[in-house]
Amino acid sequence: MFGVTGLHFNQLQLSGQRNNWLPRVRYLIWAFHWTAGHILGGMIVGGVSGWVGSKISAGPGFYGLILLALICVVCALHQFQIINFPLPQLRRQVSRFWMQKLHWNIVALGYGVQLGSGIATRIKVATTYVFIGCAFLSGTFYMGAVIGAGFGLARAILPVIIGPRVSSPEASFSFALNFNHYEKHVRNINGALLLLSALFLITLFWLPQSG
């Protein structure tokens, strides 16, 4: 994701050397398509998950909350590398052919939909499954779409911000090395968030019982 945003910003800079402001305006337009695609992709998956959940149960229920909390704990252990298991996923990436044949704004929208969905490309963090589970337990298409929109937006923001800073091959390579250096910290942060999510889900179950 970071390579795509950096590459496009570099191309805009080369094509607009006489006007310093023009590449940035075009990048903002491209970033809008990129972000909109992510949000749309997340809304589709989240909305469908919520709709399927609504057909199975009118609400999250005891078993749904406990099962999702358990999934959070298992995924957290995976992120901490205490246990390891293959993540079910499509082992594919977005097509590089698009960058050669399609307008960059279309590429941004198409890539965004795939990446924002969380399931159309490789899954590197187990948090994705918790997002789908939360959307499923939301019990409605609309609430699932809202959850998906938040997930997609969260995935879109960082590459847009980092893109202008990795617009050269040297900067991109340096960023990749630094990012790999912090990969363990990113996994641990995801694991901690998953444990907090499990605690939150258990709290949702116990609140009605205590009342």
N, C-alpha and C. Protein backbone atom coordinates (compact mmCIF):
# COMPACT_ATOMS: atom_id res chain seq x y z
N MET A 1 0.82 -1.21 0.00
CA MET A 1 0.00 0.00 0.00
C MET A 1 0.85 1.26 0.00
N PHE A 2 1.91 1.23 0.83
CA PHE A 2 2.77 2.41 0.91
C PHE A 2 3.51 2.65 -0.40
N GLY A 3 3.92 1.56 -1.06
CA GLY A 3 4.61 1.70 -2.33
C GLY A 3 3.74 2.32 -3.40
N VAL A 4 2.46 1.98 -3.42
CA VAL A 4 1.54 2.52 -4.43
C VAL A 4 1.36 4.02 -4.22
N THR A 5 1.10 4.44 -2.99
CA THR A 5 0.89 5.86 -2.72
C THR A 5 2.16 6.67 -2.99
N GLY A 6 3.31 6.13 -2.58
CA GLY A 6 4.58 6.83 -2.82
C GLY A 6 4.90 6.94 -4.29
N LEU A 7 4.68 5.87 -5.05
CA LEU A 7 4.95 5.88 -6.48
C LEU A 7 4.09 6.92 -7.19
N HIS A 8 2.82 6.98 -6.85
CA HIS A 8 1.95 7.94 -7.53
C HIS A 8 2.33 9.37 -7.19
N PHE A 9 2.69 9.64 -5.93
CA PHE A 9 3.10 10.99 -5.57
C PHE A 9 4.36 11.39 -6.32
N ASN A 10 5.29 10.45 -6.51
CA ASN A 10 6.51 10.71 -7.25
C ASN A 10 6.19 11.03 -8.71
N GLN A 11 5.27 10.30 -9.32
CA GLN A 11 4.88 10.57 -10.70
C GLN A 11 4.25 11.95 -10.84
N LEU A 12 3.43 12.33 -9.88
CA LEU A 12 2.80 13.64 -9.91
C LEU A 12 3.83 14.76 -9.78
N GLN A 13 4.83 14.54 -8.95
CA GLN A 13 5.90 15.53 -8.81
C GLN A 13 6.66 15.71 -10.11
N LEU A 14 6.97 14.61 -10.79
CA LEU A 14 7.72 14.70 -12.04
C LEU A 14 6.92 15.36 -13.14
N SER A 15 5.60 15.16 -13.13
CA SER A 15 4.76 15.73 -14.17
C SER A 15 4.36 17.17 -13.90
N GLY A 16 4.60 17.66 -12.70
CA GLY A 16 4.18 19.02 -12.36
C GLY A 16 5.29 19.83 -11.74
N GLN A 17 6.49 19.75 -12.32
CA GLN A 17 7.64 20.43 -11.74
C GLN A 17 7.51 21.96 -11.79
N ARG A 18 6.74 22.49 -12.75
CA ARG A 18 6.61 23.93 -12.87
C ARG A 18 5.63 24.51 -11.86
N ASN A 19 4.71 23.70 -11.39
CA ASN A 19 3.72 24.14 -10.42
C ASN A 19 3.81 23.26 -9.18
N ASN A 20 4.39 23.80 -8.12
CA ASN A 20 4.61 23.00 -6.93
C ASN A 20 3.30 22.58 -6.27
N TRP A 21 2.26 23.39 -6.43
CA TRP A 21 1.00 23.10 -5.76
C TRP A 21 0.16 22.08 -6.53
N LEU A 22 0.35 21.98 -7.85
CA LEU A 22 -0.50 21.13 -8.67
C LEU A 22 -0.37 19.64 -8.31
N PRO A 23 0.85 19.10 -8.12
CA PRO A 23 0.94 17.68 -7.74
C PRO A 23 0.22 17.37 -6.44
N ARG A 24 0.27 18.30 -5.51
CA ARG A 24 -0.38 18.06 -4.22
C ARG A 24 -1.91 18.06 -4.35
N VAL A 25 -2.43 18.94 -5.19
CA VAL A 25 -3.88 18.96 -5.42
C VAL A 25 -4.31 17.65 -6.07
N ARG A 26 -3.54 17.21 -7.08
CA ARG A 26 -3.88 15.95 -7.75
C ARG A 26 -3.74 14.77 -6.79
N TYR A 27 -2.77 14.85 -5.90
CA TYR A 27 -2.60 13.78 -4.93
C TYR A 27 -3.79 13.72 -3.98
N LEU A 28 -4.30 14.89 -3.59
CA LEU A 28 -5.47 14.94 -2.72
C LEU A 28 -6.68 14.32 -3.41
N ILE A 29 -6.83 14.60 -4.70
CA ILE A 29 -7.94 14.00 -5.46
C ILE A 29 -7.78 12.48 -5.51
N TRP A 30 -6.54 12.06 -5.78
CA TRP A 30 -6.27 10.62 -5.81
C TRP A 30 -6.51 9.99 -4.44
N ALA A 31 -6.10 10.68 -3.38
CA ALA A 31 -6.28 10.17 -2.02
C ALA A 31 -7.76 10.04 -1.68
N PHE A 32 -8.59 10.95 -2.24
CA PHE A 32 -10.03 10.86 -2.02
C PHE A 32 -10.57 9.56 -2.61
N HIS A 33 -10.15 9.24 -3.85
CA HIS A 33 -10.60 7.99 -4.48
C HIS A 33 -10.08 6.78 -3.70
N TRP A 34 -8.85 6.86 -3.25
CA TRP A 34 -8.22 5.77 -2.47
C TRP A 34 -9.02 5.52 -1.19
N THR A 35 -9.31 6.60 -0.46
CA THR A 35 -10.04 6.48 0.80
C THR A 35 -11.48 6.03 0.57
N ALA A 36 -12.13 6.61 -0.45
CA ALA A 36 -13.50 6.23 -0.75
C ALA A 36 -13.59 4.75 -1.10
N GLY A 37 -12.60 4.25 -1.85
CA GLY A 37 -12.59 2.83 -2.20
C GLY A 37 -12.46 1.95 -0.97
N HIS A 38 -11.58 2.32 -0.05
CA HIS A 38 -11.42 1.56 1.19
C HIS A 38 -12.72 1.53 1.98
N ILE A 39 -13.34 2.68 2.11
CA ILE A 39 -14.59 2.75 2.88
C ILE A 39 -15.67 1.90 2.21
N LEU A 40 -15.77 2.00 0.88
CA LEU A 40 -16.76 1.22 0.16
C LEU A 40 -16.52 -0.28 0.32
N GLY A 41 -15.26 -0.70 0.19
CA GLY A 41 -14.94 -2.12 0.36
C GLY A 41 -15.29 -2.62 1.75
N GLY A 42 -14.96 -1.83 2.77
CA GLY A 42 -15.31 -2.21 4.14
C GLY A 42 -16.80 -2.25 4.36
N MET A 43 -17.53 -1.30 3.77
CA MET A 43 -18.98 -1.27 3.93
C MET A 43 -19.64 -2.48 3.28
N ILE A 44 -19.13 -2.91 2.14
CA ILE A 44 -19.71 -4.07 1.45
C ILE A 44 -19.57 -5.32 2.31
N VAL A 45 -18.34 -5.59 2.76
CA VAL A 45 -18.10 -6.79 3.57
C VAL A 45 -18.81 -6.69 4.92
N GLY A 46 -18.71 -5.52 5.56
CA GLY A 46 -19.37 -5.35 6.86
C GLY A 46 -20.88 -5.42 6.74
N GLY A 47 -21.43 -4.79 5.70
CA GLY A 47 -22.87 -4.81 5.51
C GLY A 47 -23.40 -6.20 5.24
N VAL A 48 -22.72 -6.94 4.36
CA VAL A 48 -23.15 -8.31 4.06
C VAL A 48 -23.03 -9.18 5.31
N SER A 49 -21.96 -9.01 6.09
CA SER A 49 -21.79 -9.78 7.32
C SER A 49 -22.92 -9.48 8.29
N GLY A 50 -23.26 -8.21 8.43
CA GLY A 50 -24.36 -7.83 9.32
C GLY A 50 -25.69 -8.39 8.85
N TRP A 51 -25.90 -8.38 7.54
CA TRP A 51 -27.14 -8.92 6.99
C TRP A 51 -27.25 -10.42 7.23
N VAL A 52 -26.15 -11.14 6.99
CA VAL A 52 -26.15 -12.58 7.26
C VAL A 52 -26.42 -12.85 8.73
N GLY A 53 -25.79 -12.05 9.60
CA GLY A 53 -26.01 -12.21 11.03
C GLY A 53 -27.46 -11.96 11.43
N SER A 54 -28.11 -11.01 10.77
CA SER A 54 -29.51 -10.70 11.09
C SER A 54 -30.43 -11.85 10.72
N LYS A 55 -30.04 -12.64 9.73
CA LYS A 55 -30.87 -13.78 9.32
C LYS A 55 -30.73 -14.95 10.27
N ILE A 56 -29.64 -14.97 11.03
CA ILE A 56 -29.39 -16.08 11.94
C ILE A 56 -29.93 -15.79 13.33
N SER A 57 -29.78 -14.52 13.77
CA SER A 57 -30.21 -14.16 15.11
C SER A 57 -30.64 -12.71 15.14
N ALA A 58 -31.57 -12.38 16.03
CA ALA A 58 -32.05 -11.00 16.14
C ALA A 58 -31.04 -10.12 16.87
N GLY A 59 -30.14 -10.70 17.61
CA GLY A 59 -29.15 -9.94 18.36
C GLY A 59 -27.90 -10.76 18.56
N PRO A 60 -26.85 -10.16 19.15
CA PRO A 60 -25.60 -10.90 19.33
C PRO A 60 -25.74 -12.14 20.19
N GLY A 61 -26.49 -12.04 21.31
CA GLY A 61 -26.72 -13.21 22.15
C GLY A 61 -25.49 -13.65 22.92
N PHE A 62 -25.71 -14.53 23.87
CA PHE A 62 -24.64 -15.00 24.74
C PHE A 62 -23.57 -15.75 23.95
N TYR A 63 -23.99 -16.72 23.16
CA TYR A 63 -23.01 -17.56 22.46
C TYR A 63 -22.20 -16.76 21.44
N GLY A 64 -22.86 -15.80 20.79
CA GLY A 64 -22.15 -14.99 19.81
C GLY A 64 -21.06 -14.15 20.46
N LEU A 65 -21.38 -13.51 21.58
CA LEU A 65 -20.39 -12.67 22.28
C LEU A 65 -19.23 -13.51 22.81
N ILE A 66 -19.57 -14.65 23.42
CA ILE A 66 -18.52 -15.51 23.97
C ILE A 66 -17.63 -16.07 22.87
N LEU A 67 -18.26 -16.48 21.75
CA LEU A 67 -17.47 -17.03 20.65
C LEU A 67 -16.53 -15.97 20.07
N LEU A 68 -17.04 -14.75 19.89
CA LEU A 68 -16.19 -13.69 19.35
C LEU A 68 -15.09 -13.32 20.33
N ALA A 69 -15.40 -13.31 21.63
CA ALA A 69 -14.38 -13.04 22.65
C ALA A 69 -13.29 -14.11 22.60
N LEU A 70 -13.70 -15.36 22.42
CA LEU A 70 -12.74 -16.46 22.32
C LEU A 70 -11.87 -16.30 21.08
N ILE A 71 -12.49 -15.91 19.97
CA ILE A 71 -11.73 -15.67 18.74
C ILE A 71 -10.71 -14.56 18.96
N CYS A 72 -11.12 -13.51 19.68
CA CYS A 72 -10.20 -12.40 19.98
C CYS A 72 -8.98 -12.90 20.76
N VAL A 73 -9.22 -13.76 21.76
CA VAL A 73 -8.12 -14.27 22.58
C VAL A 73 -7.19 -15.13 21.74
N VAL A 74 -7.76 -16.03 20.93
CA VAL A 74 -6.94 -16.90 20.08
C VAL A 74 -6.13 -16.08 19.09
N CYS A 75 -6.78 -15.09 18.48
CA CYS A 75 -6.07 -14.24 17.52
C CYS A 75 -4.98 -13.41 18.20
N ALA A 76 -5.25 -12.99 19.44
CA ALA A 76 -4.24 -12.24 20.20
C ALA A 76 -3.01 -13.11 20.46
N LEU A 77 -3.24 -14.36 20.84
CA LEU A 77 -2.12 -15.29 21.06
C LEU A 77 -1.33 -15.50 19.77
N HIS A 78 -2.05 -15.49 18.64
CA HIS A 78 -1.37 -15.61 17.35
C HIS A 78 -0.52 -14.37 17.07
N GLN A 79 -1.07 -13.19 17.38
CA GLN A 79 -0.31 -11.96 17.16
C GLN A 79 0.92 -11.90 18.06
N PHE A 80 0.79 -12.41 19.29
CA PHE A 80 1.93 -12.44 20.21
C PHE A 80 2.91 -13.56 19.85
N GLN A 81 2.54 -14.39 18.85
CA GLN A 81 3.34 -15.54 18.40
C GLN A 81 3.51 -16.58 19.50
N ILE A 82 2.53 -16.65 20.40
CA ILE A 82 2.51 -17.72 21.40
C ILE A 82 2.04 -19.01 20.75
N ILE A 83 1.04 -18.87 19.87
CA ILE A 83 0.62 -19.98 19.04
C ILE A 83 0.62 -19.50 17.59
N ASN A 84 0.81 -20.43 16.68
CA ASN A 84 0.84 -20.08 15.26
C ASN A 84 -0.08 -21.00 14.48
N PHE A 85 -0.84 -20.40 13.59
CA PHE A 85 -1.72 -21.17 12.72
C PHE A 85 -1.91 -20.37 11.43
N PRO A 86 -2.15 -21.05 10.33
CA PRO A 86 -2.34 -20.34 9.06
C PRO A 86 -3.65 -19.56 9.07
N LEU A 87 -3.59 -18.31 8.65
CA LEU A 87 -4.78 -17.49 8.57
C LEU A 87 -5.53 -17.80 7.28
N PRO A 88 -6.80 -18.19 7.36
CA PRO A 88 -7.56 -18.42 6.12
C PRO A 88 -7.68 -17.14 5.31
N GLN A 89 -7.29 -17.20 4.05
CA GLN A 89 -7.23 -15.98 3.26
C GLN A 89 -7.04 -16.30 1.78
N LEU A 90 -7.26 -15.28 0.96
CA LEU A 90 -6.90 -15.35 -0.45
C LEU A 90 -5.47 -14.84 -0.58
N ARG A 91 -4.57 -15.70 -1.02
CA ARG A 91 -3.16 -15.31 -1.10
C ARG A 91 -2.90 -14.60 -2.44
N ARG A 92 -3.39 -13.39 -2.53
CA ARG A 92 -3.21 -12.60 -3.74
C ARG A 92 -2.97 -11.14 -3.35
N GLN A 93 -2.44 -10.39 -4.30
CA GLN A 93 -2.26 -8.96 -4.13
C GLN A 93 -3.02 -8.24 -5.24
N VAL A 94 -3.14 -6.93 -5.08
CA VAL A 94 -3.80 -6.16 -6.12
C VAL A 94 -2.97 -6.25 -7.40
N SER A 95 -3.64 -6.16 -8.53
CA SER A 95 -2.98 -6.35 -9.82
C SER A 95 -2.11 -5.14 -10.19
N ARG A 96 -0.83 -5.39 -10.48
CA ARG A 96 0.06 -4.32 -10.94
C ARG A 96 -0.28 -3.92 -12.38
N PHE A 97 -0.95 -4.80 -13.09
CA PHE A 97 -1.35 -4.51 -14.48
C PHE A 97 -2.25 -3.28 -14.54
N TRP A 98 -3.04 -3.06 -13.50
CA TRP A 98 -3.94 -1.90 -13.46
C TRP A 98 -3.15 -0.60 -13.56
N MET A 99 -2.00 -0.54 -12.88
CA MET A 99 -1.21 0.70 -12.87
C MET A 99 -0.68 1.06 -14.26
N GLN A 100 -0.57 0.07 -15.12
CA GLN A 100 -0.04 0.30 -16.47
C GLN A 100 -1.14 0.66 -17.46
N LYS A 101 -2.37 0.23 -17.20
CA LYS A 101 -3.43 0.37 -18.19
C LYS A 101 -4.56 1.32 -17.80
N LEU A 102 -4.78 1.55 -16.51
CA LEU A 102 -5.93 2.32 -16.07
C LEU A 102 -5.52 3.69 -15.53
N HIS A 103 -6.47 4.61 -15.53
CA HIS A 103 -6.24 5.93 -14.92
C HIS A 103 -5.98 5.75 -13.43
N TRP A 104 -5.07 6.56 -12.90
CA TRP A 104 -4.65 6.38 -11.52
C TRP A 104 -5.78 6.55 -10.52
N ASN A 105 -6.75 7.40 -10.81
CA ASN A 105 -7.88 7.55 -9.90
C ASN A 105 -8.74 6.28 -9.87
N ILE A 106 -8.86 5.63 -11.04
CA ILE A 106 -9.58 4.36 -11.09
C ILE A 106 -8.81 3.29 -10.34
N VAL A 107 -7.49 3.31 -10.50
CA VAL A 107 -6.64 2.37 -9.77
C VAL A 107 -6.82 2.56 -8.26
N ALA A 108 -6.83 3.81 -7.82
CA ALA A 108 -6.99 4.11 -6.39
C ALA A 108 -8.31 3.57 -5.88
N LEU A 109 -9.38 3.77 -6.64
CA LEU A 109 -10.70 3.31 -6.23
C LEU A 109 -10.76 1.78 -6.20
N GLY A 110 -10.23 1.15 -7.26
CA GLY A 110 -10.26 -0.32 -7.34
C GLY A 110 -9.40 -0.98 -6.29
N TYR A 111 -8.18 -0.44 -6.11
CA TYR A 111 -7.31 -0.97 -5.06
C TYR A 111 -7.96 -0.78 -3.69
N GLY A 112 -8.55 0.40 -3.50
CA GLY A 112 -9.16 0.71 -2.22
C GLY A 112 -10.26 -0.25 -1.86
N VAL A 113 -11.12 -0.58 -2.82
CA VAL A 113 -12.22 -1.52 -2.55
C VAL A 113 -11.66 -2.87 -2.11
N GLN A 114 -10.64 -3.34 -2.79
CA GLN A 114 -10.06 -4.66 -2.45
C GLN A 114 -9.37 -4.64 -1.09
N LEU A 115 -8.56 -3.62 -0.85
CA LEU A 115 -7.83 -3.55 0.41
C LEU A 115 -8.75 -3.21 1.58
N GLY A 116 -9.72 -2.35 1.34
CA GLY A 116 -10.65 -1.96 2.41
C GLY A 116 -11.58 -3.08 2.82
N SER A 117 -11.84 -4.01 1.91
CA SER A 117 -12.71 -5.14 2.25
C SER A 117 -12.06 -6.04 3.29
N GLY A 118 -10.72 -6.06 3.29
CA GLY A 118 -9.99 -6.88 4.25
C GLY A 118 -9.82 -8.33 3.86
N ILE A 119 -10.59 -8.81 2.87
CA ILE A 119 -10.57 -10.23 2.54
C ILE A 119 -10.17 -10.51 1.09
N ALA A 120 -10.08 -9.48 0.25
CA ALA A 120 -9.80 -9.69 -1.17
C ALA A 120 -8.31 -9.83 -1.46
N THR A 121 -7.46 -9.57 -0.46
CA THR A 121 -6.01 -9.72 -0.61
C THR A 121 -5.47 -10.47 0.61
N ARG A 122 -4.17 -10.60 0.68
CA ARG A 122 -3.56 -11.30 1.80
C ARG A 122 -3.92 -10.64 3.13
N ILE A 123 -4.11 -11.45 4.15
CA ILE A 123 -4.44 -10.95 5.49
C ILE A 123 -3.21 -11.13 6.38
N LYS A 124 -2.66 -10.01 6.85
CA LYS A 124 -1.43 -10.07 7.65
C LYS A 124 -1.71 -9.99 9.14
N VAL A 125 -2.86 -9.44 9.54
CA VAL A 125 -3.18 -9.33 10.96
C VAL A 125 -4.53 -10.01 11.22
N ALA A 126 -4.61 -10.71 12.34
CA ALA A 126 -5.82 -11.45 12.67
C ALA A 126 -6.98 -10.54 13.05
N THR A 127 -6.71 -9.26 13.25
CA THR A 127 -7.76 -8.30 13.60
C THR A 127 -8.86 -8.26 12.55
N THR A 128 -8.52 -8.59 11.32
CA THR A 128 -9.50 -8.57 10.24
C THR A 128 -10.68 -9.48 10.55
N TYR A 129 -10.42 -10.64 11.13
CA TYR A 129 -11.49 -11.58 11.42
C TYR A 129 -12.40 -11.05 12.53
N VAL A 130 -11.84 -10.30 13.45
CA VAL A 130 -12.65 -9.72 14.51
C VAL A 130 -13.56 -8.63 13.95
N PHE A 131 -13.06 -7.87 12.98
CA PHE A 131 -13.91 -6.88 12.32
C PHE A 131 -15.12 -7.56 11.68
N ILE A 132 -14.90 -8.66 10.97
CA ILE A 132 -16.00 -9.38 10.33
C ILE A 132 -16.95 -9.94 11.39
N GLY A 133 -16.38 -10.45 12.48
CA GLY A 133 -17.21 -10.99 13.56
C GLY A 133 -18.08 -9.92 14.20
N CYS A 134 -17.51 -8.73 14.43
CA CYS A 134 -18.29 -7.63 15.01
C CYS A 134 -19.41 -7.21 14.07
N ALA A 135 -19.11 -7.12 12.79
CA ALA A 135 -20.14 -6.77 11.82
C ALA A 135 -21.23 -7.82 11.78
N PHE A 136 -20.84 -9.09 11.86
CA PHE A 136 -21.80 -10.19 11.87
C PHE A 136 -22.74 -10.10 13.07
N LEU A 137 -22.18 -9.80 14.24
CA LEU A 137 -22.97 -9.75 15.46
C LEU A 137 -23.77 -8.45 15.59
N SER A 138 -23.48 -7.47 14.73
CA SER A 138 -24.23 -6.21 14.80
C SER A 138 -25.71 -6.44 14.51
N GLY A 139 -26.01 -7.47 13.73
CA GLY A 139 -27.40 -7.86 13.52
C GLY A 139 -28.15 -7.09 12.46
N THR A 140 -27.53 -6.08 11.84
CA THR A 140 -28.19 -5.33 10.78
C THR A 140 -27.20 -5.02 9.66
N PHE A 141 -27.72 -4.85 8.47
CA PHE A 141 -26.87 -4.48 7.34
C PHE A 141 -26.23 -3.12 7.58
N TYR A 142 -27.02 -2.17 8.08
CA TYR A 142 -26.54 -0.80 8.22
C TYR A 142 -25.46 -0.68 9.28
N MET A 143 -25.67 -1.33 10.43
CA MET A 143 -24.64 -1.26 11.48
C MET A 143 -23.37 -1.98 11.03
N GLY A 144 -23.53 -3.09 10.33
CA GLY A 144 -22.36 -3.78 9.79
C GLY A 144 -21.60 -2.92 8.80
N ALA A 145 -22.35 -2.16 7.98
CA ALA A 145 -21.72 -1.26 7.01
C ALA A 145 -20.96 -0.14 7.72
N VAL A 146 -21.52 0.36 8.82
CA VAL A 146 -20.84 1.41 9.60
C VAL A 146 -19.53 0.88 10.17
N ILE A 147 -19.57 -0.33 10.73
CA ILE A 147 -18.35 -0.94 11.26
C ILE A 147 -17.33 -1.15 10.15
N GLY A 148 -17.81 -1.60 8.99
CA GLY A 148 -16.92 -1.80 7.85
C GLY A 148 -16.32 -0.51 7.34
N ALA A 149 -17.11 0.57 7.36
CA ALA A 149 -16.61 1.87 6.91
C ALA A 149 -15.47 2.34 7.81
N GLY A 150 -15.62 2.13 9.12
CA GLY A 150 -14.56 2.50 10.05
C GLY A 150 -13.30 1.68 9.83
N PHE A 151 -13.48 0.40 9.56
CA PHE A 151 -12.34 -0.48 9.29
C PHE A 151 -11.62 -0.05 8.03
N GLY A 152 -12.39 0.22 6.96
CA GLY A 152 -11.78 0.65 5.70
C GLY A 152 -11.05 1.98 5.83
N LEU A 153 -11.67 2.91 6.54
CA LEU A 153 -11.04 4.22 6.74
C LEU A 153 -9.73 4.09 7.49
N ALA A 154 -9.72 3.25 8.51
CA ALA A 154 -8.49 3.05 9.30
C ALA A 154 -7.37 2.48 8.44
N ARG A 155 -7.71 1.62 7.48
CA ARG A 155 -6.69 1.04 6.61
C ARG A 155 -6.19 2.04 5.57
N ALA A 156 -7.01 3.01 5.23
CA ALA A 156 -6.66 3.94 4.15
C ALA A 156 -5.77 5.08 4.60
N ILE A 157 -5.92 5.51 5.84
CA ILE A 157 -5.32 6.78 6.28
C ILE A 157 -3.80 6.75 6.26
N LEU A 158 -3.18 5.75 6.87
CA LEU A 158 -1.72 5.75 7.02
C LEU A 158 -0.99 5.77 5.68
N PRO A 159 -1.37 4.95 4.69
CA PRO A 159 -0.67 5.03 3.40
C PRO A 159 -0.79 6.41 2.74
N VAL A 160 -1.93 7.07 2.90
CA VAL A 160 -2.11 8.41 2.32
C VAL A 160 -1.16 9.40 2.97
N ILE A 161 -1.00 9.29 4.28
CA ILE A 161 -0.12 10.21 5.01
C ILE A 161 1.35 9.93 4.69
N ILE A 162 1.71 8.65 4.61
CA ILE A 162 3.10 8.26 4.40
C ILE A 162 3.52 8.43 2.95
N GLY A 163 2.60 8.35 2.00
CA GLY A 163 2.91 8.37 0.58
C GLY A 163 3.89 9.44 0.14
N PRO A 164 3.66 10.73 0.46
CA PRO A 164 4.59 11.78 0.04
C PRO A 164 6.00 11.63 0.61
N ARG A 165 6.13 10.87 1.69
CA ARG A 165 7.44 10.72 2.33
C ARG A 165 8.25 9.56 1.76
N VAL A 166 7.60 8.71 0.96
CA VAL A 166 8.30 7.56 0.37
C VAL A 166 8.17 7.60 -1.15
N SER A 167 8.28 8.80 -1.71
CA SER A 167 8.05 8.97 -3.14
C SER A 167 9.27 8.62 -3.99
N SER A 168 10.43 8.43 -3.36
CA SER A 168 11.63 8.02 -4.10
C SER A 168 11.95 6.57 -3.77
N PRO A 169 12.64 5.86 -4.67
CA PRO A 169 13.00 4.46 -4.38
C PRO A 169 13.83 4.33 -3.11
N GLU A 170 14.73 5.30 -2.88
CA GLU A 170 15.58 5.24 -1.68
C GLU A 170 14.74 5.39 -0.41
N ALA A 171 13.81 6.37 -0.45
CA ALA A 171 12.96 6.59 0.71
C ALA A 171 12.03 5.42 0.95
N SER A 172 11.53 4.83 -0.14
CA SER A 172 10.64 3.68 -0.02
C SER A 172 11.37 2.48 0.59
N PHE A 173 12.60 2.25 0.14
CA PHE A 173 13.39 1.14 0.67
C PHE A 173 13.72 1.36 2.14
N SER A 174 14.09 2.60 2.49
CA SER A 174 14.41 2.91 3.88
C SER A 174 13.19 2.74 4.77
N PHE A 175 12.02 3.18 4.29
CA PHE A 175 10.81 3.04 5.07
C PHE A 175 10.46 1.56 5.27
N ALA A 176 10.64 0.76 4.22
CA ALA A 176 10.34 -0.67 4.31
C ALA A 176 11.21 -1.34 5.37
N LEU A 177 12.50 -0.98 5.40
CA LEU A 177 13.40 -1.55 6.40
C LEU A 177 12.98 -1.14 7.81
N ASN A 178 12.66 0.15 7.99
CA ASN A 178 12.24 0.62 9.30
C ASN A 178 10.92 -0.01 9.72
N PHE A 179 10.00 -0.15 8.75
CA PHE A 179 8.70 -0.74 9.08
C PHE A 179 8.87 -2.19 9.50
N ASN A 180 9.73 -2.94 8.83
CA ASN A 180 9.99 -4.32 9.21
C ASN A 180 10.61 -4.40 10.60
N HIS A 181 11.42 -3.38 10.93
CA HIS A 181 12.05 -3.35 12.25
C HIS A 181 11.00 -3.25 13.35
N TYR A 182 9.91 -2.53 13.07
CA TYR A 182 8.86 -2.33 14.06
C TYR A 182 7.71 -3.33 13.90
N GLU A 183 7.88 -4.33 13.04
CA GLU A 183 6.81 -5.28 12.78
C GLU A 183 6.37 -6.01 14.04
N LYS A 184 7.34 -6.37 14.89
CA LYS A 184 7.00 -7.07 16.12
C LYS A 184 6.15 -6.19 17.02
N HIS A 185 6.47 -4.90 17.09
CA HIS A 185 5.69 -3.98 17.91
C HIS A 185 4.28 -3.84 17.37
N VAL A 186 4.14 -3.82 16.04
CA VAL A 186 2.82 -3.73 15.43
C VAL A 186 2.00 -4.97 15.77
N ARG A 187 2.62 -6.15 15.71
CA ARG A 187 1.91 -7.38 16.07
C ARG A 187 1.47 -7.34 17.52
N ASN A 188 2.35 -6.87 18.41
CA ASN A 188 2.01 -6.82 19.83
C ASN A 188 0.89 -5.83 20.11
N ILE A 189 0.90 -4.71 19.40
CA ILE A 189 -0.18 -3.73 19.58
C ILE A 189 -1.51 -4.34 19.15
N ASN A 190 -1.50 -5.05 18.00
CA ASN A 190 -2.71 -5.73 17.55
C ASN A 190 -3.17 -6.76 18.57
N GLY A 191 -2.22 -7.49 19.13
CA GLY A 191 -2.57 -8.48 20.14
C GLY A 191 -3.20 -7.85 21.36
N ALA A 192 -2.63 -6.74 21.82
CA ALA A 192 -3.18 -6.04 22.99
C ALA A 192 -4.59 -5.53 22.70
N LEU A 193 -4.80 -5.00 21.51
CA LEU A 193 -6.13 -4.51 21.14
C LEU A 193 -7.15 -5.65 21.09
N LEU A 194 -6.70 -6.81 20.63
CA LEU A 194 -7.59 -7.96 20.58
C LEU A 194 -7.98 -8.42 21.98
N LEU A 195 -7.04 -8.40 22.92
CA LEU A 195 -7.36 -8.77 24.29
C LEU A 195 -8.33 -7.78 24.92
N LEU A 196 -8.13 -6.49 24.64
CA LEU A 196 -9.06 -5.47 25.13
C LEU A 196 -10.45 -5.67 24.52
N SER A 197 -10.48 -6.07 23.26
CA SER A 197 -11.76 -6.34 22.60
C SER A 197 -12.48 -7.51 23.26
N ALA A 198 -11.71 -8.55 23.62
CA ALA A 198 -12.30 -9.71 24.30
C ALA A 198 -12.89 -9.28 25.64
N LEU A 199 -12.16 -8.45 26.38
CA LEU A 199 -12.65 -7.96 27.67
C LEU A 199 -13.91 -7.13 27.49
N PHE A 200 -13.95 -6.31 26.46
CA PHE A 200 -15.11 -5.48 26.18
C PHE A 200 -16.33 -6.35 25.85
N LEU A 201 -16.13 -7.39 25.05
CA LEU A 201 -17.24 -8.27 24.68
C LEU A 201 -17.79 -9.02 25.89
N ILE A 202 -16.91 -9.47 26.77
CA ILE A 202 -17.36 -10.15 27.98
C ILE A 202 -18.14 -9.19 28.87
N THR A 203 -17.69 -7.93 28.92
CA THR A 203 -18.39 -6.90 29.70
C THR A 203 -19.78 -6.67 29.14
N LEU A 204 -19.92 -6.68 27.81
CA LEU A 204 -21.24 -6.53 27.21
C LEU A 204 -22.20 -7.63 27.64
N PHE A 205 -21.66 -8.82 27.84
CA PHE A 205 -22.51 -9.93 28.29
C PHE A 205 -22.91 -9.78 29.75
N TRP A 206 -21.96 -9.36 30.59
CA TRP A 206 -22.22 -9.33 32.02
C TRP A 206 -23.07 -8.15 32.45
N LEU A 207 -23.06 -7.06 31.67
CA LEU A 207 -23.85 -5.89 32.07
C LEU A 207 -25.35 -6.20 32.21
N PRO A 208 -25.99 -6.85 31.21
CA PRO A 208 -27.41 -7.18 31.39
C PRO A 208 -27.65 -8.12 32.56
N GLN A 209 -26.69 -9.03 32.83
CA GLN A 209 -26.86 -9.98 33.91
C GLN A 209 -26.84 -9.29 35.26
N SER A 210 -25.93 -8.29 35.40
CA SER A 210 -25.81 -7.58 36.67
C SER A 210 -27.00 -6.66 36.92
N GLY A 211 -27.66 -6.21 35.81
CA GLY A 211 -28.83 -5.33 35.98
C GLY A 211 -30.04 -6.11 36.39
